[in-house]
Amino acid sequence: MFSCKPFLVLKSIFRPEVVLKAAYQFLDRCYIHFEENEKYWLVYLQPKENTSIENFNSLFENELLLQAVRYVTFQQTKSLREILMARVMATSMVDQKEPLERVEQEENSEKASLQDILQDWYFLHEK
């Protein structure tokens, strides 16, 4: 299928999500094909243009490392992000004023702003 040599990615080190995200970064430059065996993900990177495949292998290896670190960081901070989001959502839903008082205040401010808009500029600024 692909004429290039596969890039071997150890399954014991890299999760499938990491391999997919790393490969995604190469979609604009390569045609990508995946296979697997017991120990490895086999990633075939075939350049779309006449470019050395060795360069892509080095770049892909760096991208794998980057995506692996991002995945670990994501997992380590997941509970903190969930707590922060819950806190933000809970505090944004608490209404400090009585609902009727808030609605009346909004209506009064709308009326006041409409009165300002409807004023004749020449009338207000005549000398």
C-alpha atoms as a PDB file:
ATOM      1  CA  MET A   1       0.000   0.000   0.000  1.00  0.00           C
ATOM      2  CA  PHE A   2       2.614   2.564   1.084  1.00  0.00           C
ATOM      3  CA  SER A   3       6.109   2.487  -0.381  1.00  0.00           C
ATOM      4  CA  CYS A   4       7.682   4.050   2.707  1.00  0.00           C
ATOM      5  CA  LYS A   5       9.027   2.304   5.771  1.00  0.00           C
ATOM      6  CA  PRO A   6       6.682   2.396   8.788  1.00  0.00           C
ATOM      7  CA  PHE A   7       7.430   4.488  11.832  1.00  0.00           C
ATOM      8  CA  LEU A   8       7.214   2.121  14.825  1.00  0.00           C
ATOM      9  CA  VAL A   9       5.531   3.503  17.935  1.00  0.00           C
ATOM     10  CA  LEU A  10       5.620   1.382  21.085  1.00  0.00           C
ATOM     11  CA  LYS A  11       2.128   0.680  22.397  1.00  0.00           C
ATOM     12  CA  SER A  12       3.496   0.372  25.927  1.00  0.00           C
ATOM     13  CA  ILE A  13       4.642   4.023  25.862  1.00  0.00           C
ATOM     14  CA  PHE A  14       2.197   5.904  23.642  1.00  0.00           C
ATOM     15  CA  ARG A  15      -1.585   5.791  23.880  1.00  0.00           C
ATOM     16  CA  PRO A  16      -3.613   5.677  20.647  1.00  0.00           C
ATOM     17  CA  GLU A  17      -4.954   9.200  21.282  1.00  0.00           C
ATOM     18  CA  VAL A  18      -1.406  10.530  21.386  1.00  0.00           C
ATOM     19  CA  VAL A  19      -0.467   8.813  18.122  1.00  0.00           C
ATOM     20  CA  LEU A  20      -3.580  10.166  16.384  1.00  0.00           C
ATOM     21  CA  LYS A  21      -2.978  13.718  17.596  1.00  0.00           C
ATOM     22  CA  ALA A  22       0.650  13.576  16.522  1.00  0.00           C
ATOM     23  CA  ALA A  23      -0.331  12.267  13.083  1.00  0.00           C
ATOM     24  CA  TYR A  24      -2.991  14.950  12.751  1.00  0.00           C
ATOM     25  CA  GLN A  25      -0.250  17.582  12.797  1.00  0.00           C
ATOM     26  CA  PHE A  26       1.134  16.086   9.564  1.00  0.00           C
ATOM     27  CA  LEU A  27      -2.065  15.912   7.509  1.00  0.00           C
ATOM     28  CA  ASP A  28      -1.142  18.910   5.396  1.00  0.00           C
ATOM     29  CA  ARG A  29       2.301  17.483   4.547  1.00  0.00           C
ATOM     30  CA  CYS A  30       1.844  13.696   4.443  1.00  0.00           C
ATOM     31  CA  TYR A  31      -0.489  10.897   3.553  1.00  0.00           C
ATOM     32  CA  ILE A  32      -0.875   8.802   6.687  1.00  0.00           C
ATOM     33  CA  HIS A  33      -1.743   5.161   7.143  1.00  0.00           C
ATOM     34  CA  PHE A  34      -1.977   3.186  10.406  1.00  0.00           C
ATOM     35  CA  GLU A  35      -1.513  -0.463  11.205  1.00  0.00           C
ATOM     36  CA  GLU A  36      -0.728  -2.311  14.400  1.00  0.00           C
ATOM     37  CA  ASN A  37       0.798  -5.498  15.694  1.00  0.00           C
ATOM     38  CA  GLU A  38       1.205  -6.856  19.236  1.00  0.00           C
ATOM     39  CA  LYS A  39       3.905  -4.352  20.293  1.00  0.00           C
ATOM     40  CA  TYR A  40       3.717  -1.410  17.901  1.00  0.00           C
ATOM     41  CA  TRP A  41       1.534   1.114  16.189  1.00  0.00           C
ATOM     42  CA  LEU A  42       2.839   1.246  12.624  1.00  0.00           C
ATOM     43  CA  VAL A  43       2.531   4.728  11.172  1.00  0.00           C
ATOM     44  CA  TYR A  44       3.258   5.208   7.480  1.00  0.00           C
ATOM     45  CA  LEU A  45       4.092   8.801   6.597  1.00  0.00           C
ATOM     46  CA  GLN A  46       4.302   9.372   2.864  1.00  0.00           C
ATOM     47  CA  PRO A  47       5.167  12.974   1.926  1.00  0.00           C
ATOM     48  CA  LYS A  48       2.769  14.715  -0.432  1.00  0.00           C
ATOM     49  CA  GLU A  49       5.724  16.428  -2.113  1.00  0.00           C
ATOM     50  CA  ASN A  50       9.256  15.257  -2.841  1.00  0.00           C
ATOM     51  CA  THR A  51      10.612  15.576   0.682  1.00  0.00           C
ATOM     52  CA  SER A  52      12.893  13.291   2.660  1.00  0.00           C
ATOM     53  CA  ILE A  53      10.959  10.835   4.810  1.00  0.00           C
ATOM     54  CA  GLU A  54      13.763  10.809   7.404  1.00  0.00           C
ATOM     55  CA  ASN A  55      12.988  14.420   8.235  1.00  0.00           C
ATOM     56  CA  PHE A  56       9.318  13.537   8.787  1.00  0.00           C
ATOM     57  CA  ASN A  57      10.263  10.653  11.063  1.00  0.00           C
ATOM     58  CA  SER A  58      12.298  12.968  13.298  1.00  0.00           C
ATOM     59  CA  LEU A  59       9.528  15.559  13.327  1.00  0.00           C
ATOM     60  CA  PHE A  60       6.927  12.881  14.038  1.00  0.00           C
ATOM     61  CA  GLU A  61       8.953  11.566  16.962  1.00  0.00           C
ATOM     62  CA  ASN A  62       9.125  15.068  18.444  1.00  0.00           C
ATOM     63  CA  GLU A  63       5.401  15.528  17.903  1.00  0.00           C
ATOM     64  CA  LEU A  64       4.710  12.216  19.670  1.00  0.00           C
ATOM     65  CA  LEU A  65       6.646  13.429  22.684  1.00  0.00           C
ATOM     66  CA  LEU A  66       4.825  16.759  22.666  1.00  0.00           C
ATOM     67  CA  GLN A  67       1.403  15.113  22.477  1.00  0.00           C
ATOM     68  CA  ALA A  68       2.327  12.586  25.191  1.00  0.00           C
ATOM     69  CA  VAL A  69       3.313  15.391  27.572  1.00  0.00           C
ATOM     70  CA  ARG A  70       0.121  17.286  26.746  1.00  0.00           C
ATOM     71  CA  TYR A  71      -1.925  14.159  27.468  1.00  0.00           C
ATOM     72  CA  VAL A  72      -0.210  13.619  30.830  1.00  0.00           C
ATOM     73  CA  THR A  73      -0.721  17.272  31.756  1.00  0.00           C
ATOM     74  CA  PHE A  74      -4.371  17.042  30.704  1.00  0.00           C
ATOM     75  CA  GLN A  75      -4.887  13.989  32.930  1.00  0.00           C
ATOM     76  CA  GLN A  76      -3.083  15.551  35.895  1.00  0.00           C
ATOM     77  CA  THR A  77      -5.081  18.777  35.791  1.00  0.00           C
ATOM     78  CA  LYS A  78      -8.470  17.300  34.880  1.00  0.00           C
ATOM     79  CA  SER A  79      -9.954  17.350  38.385  1.00  0.00           C
ATOM     80  CA  LEU A  80      -8.735  20.897  39.011  1.00  0.00           C
ATOM     81  CA  ARG A  81     -10.321  22.107  35.759  1.00  0.00           C
ATOM     82  CA  GLU A  82     -13.587  20.372  36.670  1.00  0.00           C
ATOM     83  CA  ILE A  83     -13.610  22.000  40.115  1.00  0.00           C
ATOM     84  CA  LEU A  84     -12.871  25.434  38.660  1.00  0.00           C
ATOM     85  CA  MET A  85     -15.577  25.085  36.025  1.00  0.00           C
ATOM     86  CA  ALA A  86     -18.109  23.924  38.607  1.00  0.00           C
ATOM     87  CA  ARG A  87     -17.207  26.888  40.798  1.00  0.00           C
ATOM     88  CA  VAL A  88     -17.568  29.341  37.931  1.00  0.00           C
ATOM     89  CA  MET A  89     -20.907  27.903  36.890  1.00  0.00           C
ATOM     90  CA  ALA A  90     -22.229  27.860  40.451  1.00  0.00           C
ATOM     91  CA  THR A  91     -21.260  31.456  41.198  1.00  0.00           C
ATOM     92  CA  SER A  92     -22.570  32.757  37.896  1.00  0.00           C
ATOM     93  CA  MET A  93     -26.012  31.292  38.556  1.00  0.00           C
ATOM     94  CA  VAL A  94     -26.433  32.911  41.985  1.00  0.00           C
ATOM     95  CA  ASP A  95     -28.556  36.033  41.711  1.00  0.00           C
ATOM     96  CA  GLN A  96     -27.701  38.582  44.384  1.00  0.00           C
ATOM     97  CA  LYS A  97     -30.871  40.651  43.961  1.00  0.00           C
ATOM     98  CA  GLU A  98     -34.494  39.730  44.174  1.00  0.00           C
ATOM     99  CA  PRO A  99     -35.715  38.792  40.672  1.00  0.00           C
ATOM    100  CA  LEU A 100     -38.526  41.390  40.612  1.00  0.00           C
ATOM    101  CA  GLU A 101     -36.216  44.137  41.833  1.00  0.00           C
ATOM    102  CA  ARG A 102     -33.643  43.252  39.164  1.00  0.00           C
ATOM    103  CA  VAL A 103     -36.257  43.292  36.383  1.00  0.00           C
ATOM    104  CA  GLU A 104     -37.635  46.662  37.551  1.00  0.00           C
ATOM    105  CA  GLN A 105     -34.143  48.129  37.665  1.00  0.00           C
ATOM    106  CA  GLU A 106     -33.409  46.876  34.136  1.00  0.00           C
ATOM    107  CA  GLU A 107     -36.669  48.325  32.837  1.00  0.00           C
ATOM    108  CA  ASN A 108     -35.927  51.699  34.470  1.00  0.00           C
ATOM    109  CA  SER A 109     -32.437  51.808  33.034  1.00  0.00           C
ATOM    110  CA  GLU A 110     -33.799  50.955  29.570  1.00  0.00           C
ATOM    111  CA  LYS A 111     -36.366  53.771  29.839  1.00  0.00           C
ATOM    112  CA  ALA A 112     -33.692  56.219  30.939  1.00  0.00           C
ATOM    113  CA  SER A 113     -31.387  55.275  28.103  1.00  0.00           C
ATOM    114  CA  LEU A 114     -34.266  55.561  25.595  1.00  0.00           C
ATOM    115  CA  GLN A 115     -35.042  59.042  26.896  1.00  0.00           C
ATOM    116  CA  ASP A 116     -31.409  60.036  26.347  1.00  0.00           C
ATOM    117  CA  ILE A 117     -31.479  58.661  22.819  1.00  0.00           C
ATOM    118  CA  LEU A 118     -34.757  60.361  21.884  1.00  0.00           C
ATOM    119  CA  GLN A 119     -33.611  63.856  22.932  1.00  0.00           C
ATOM    120  CA  ASP A 120     -33.152  66.416  20.195  1.00  0.00           C
ATOM    121  CA  TRP A 121     -29.450  67.130  19.923  1.00  0.00           C
ATOM    122  CA  TYR A 122     -30.020  70.701  18.712  1.00  0.00           C
ATOM    123  CA  PHE A 123     -32.390  71.353  21.586  1.00  0.00           C
ATOM    124  CA  LEU A 124     -29.843  70.157  24.151  1.00  0.00           C
ATOM    125  CA  HIS A 125     -26.850  71.930  22.610  1.00  0.00           C
ATOM    126  CA  GLU A 126     -28.257  75.250  21.402  1.00  0.00           C
ATOM    127  CA  LYS A 127     -26.421  78.339  22.553  1.00  0.00           C
END
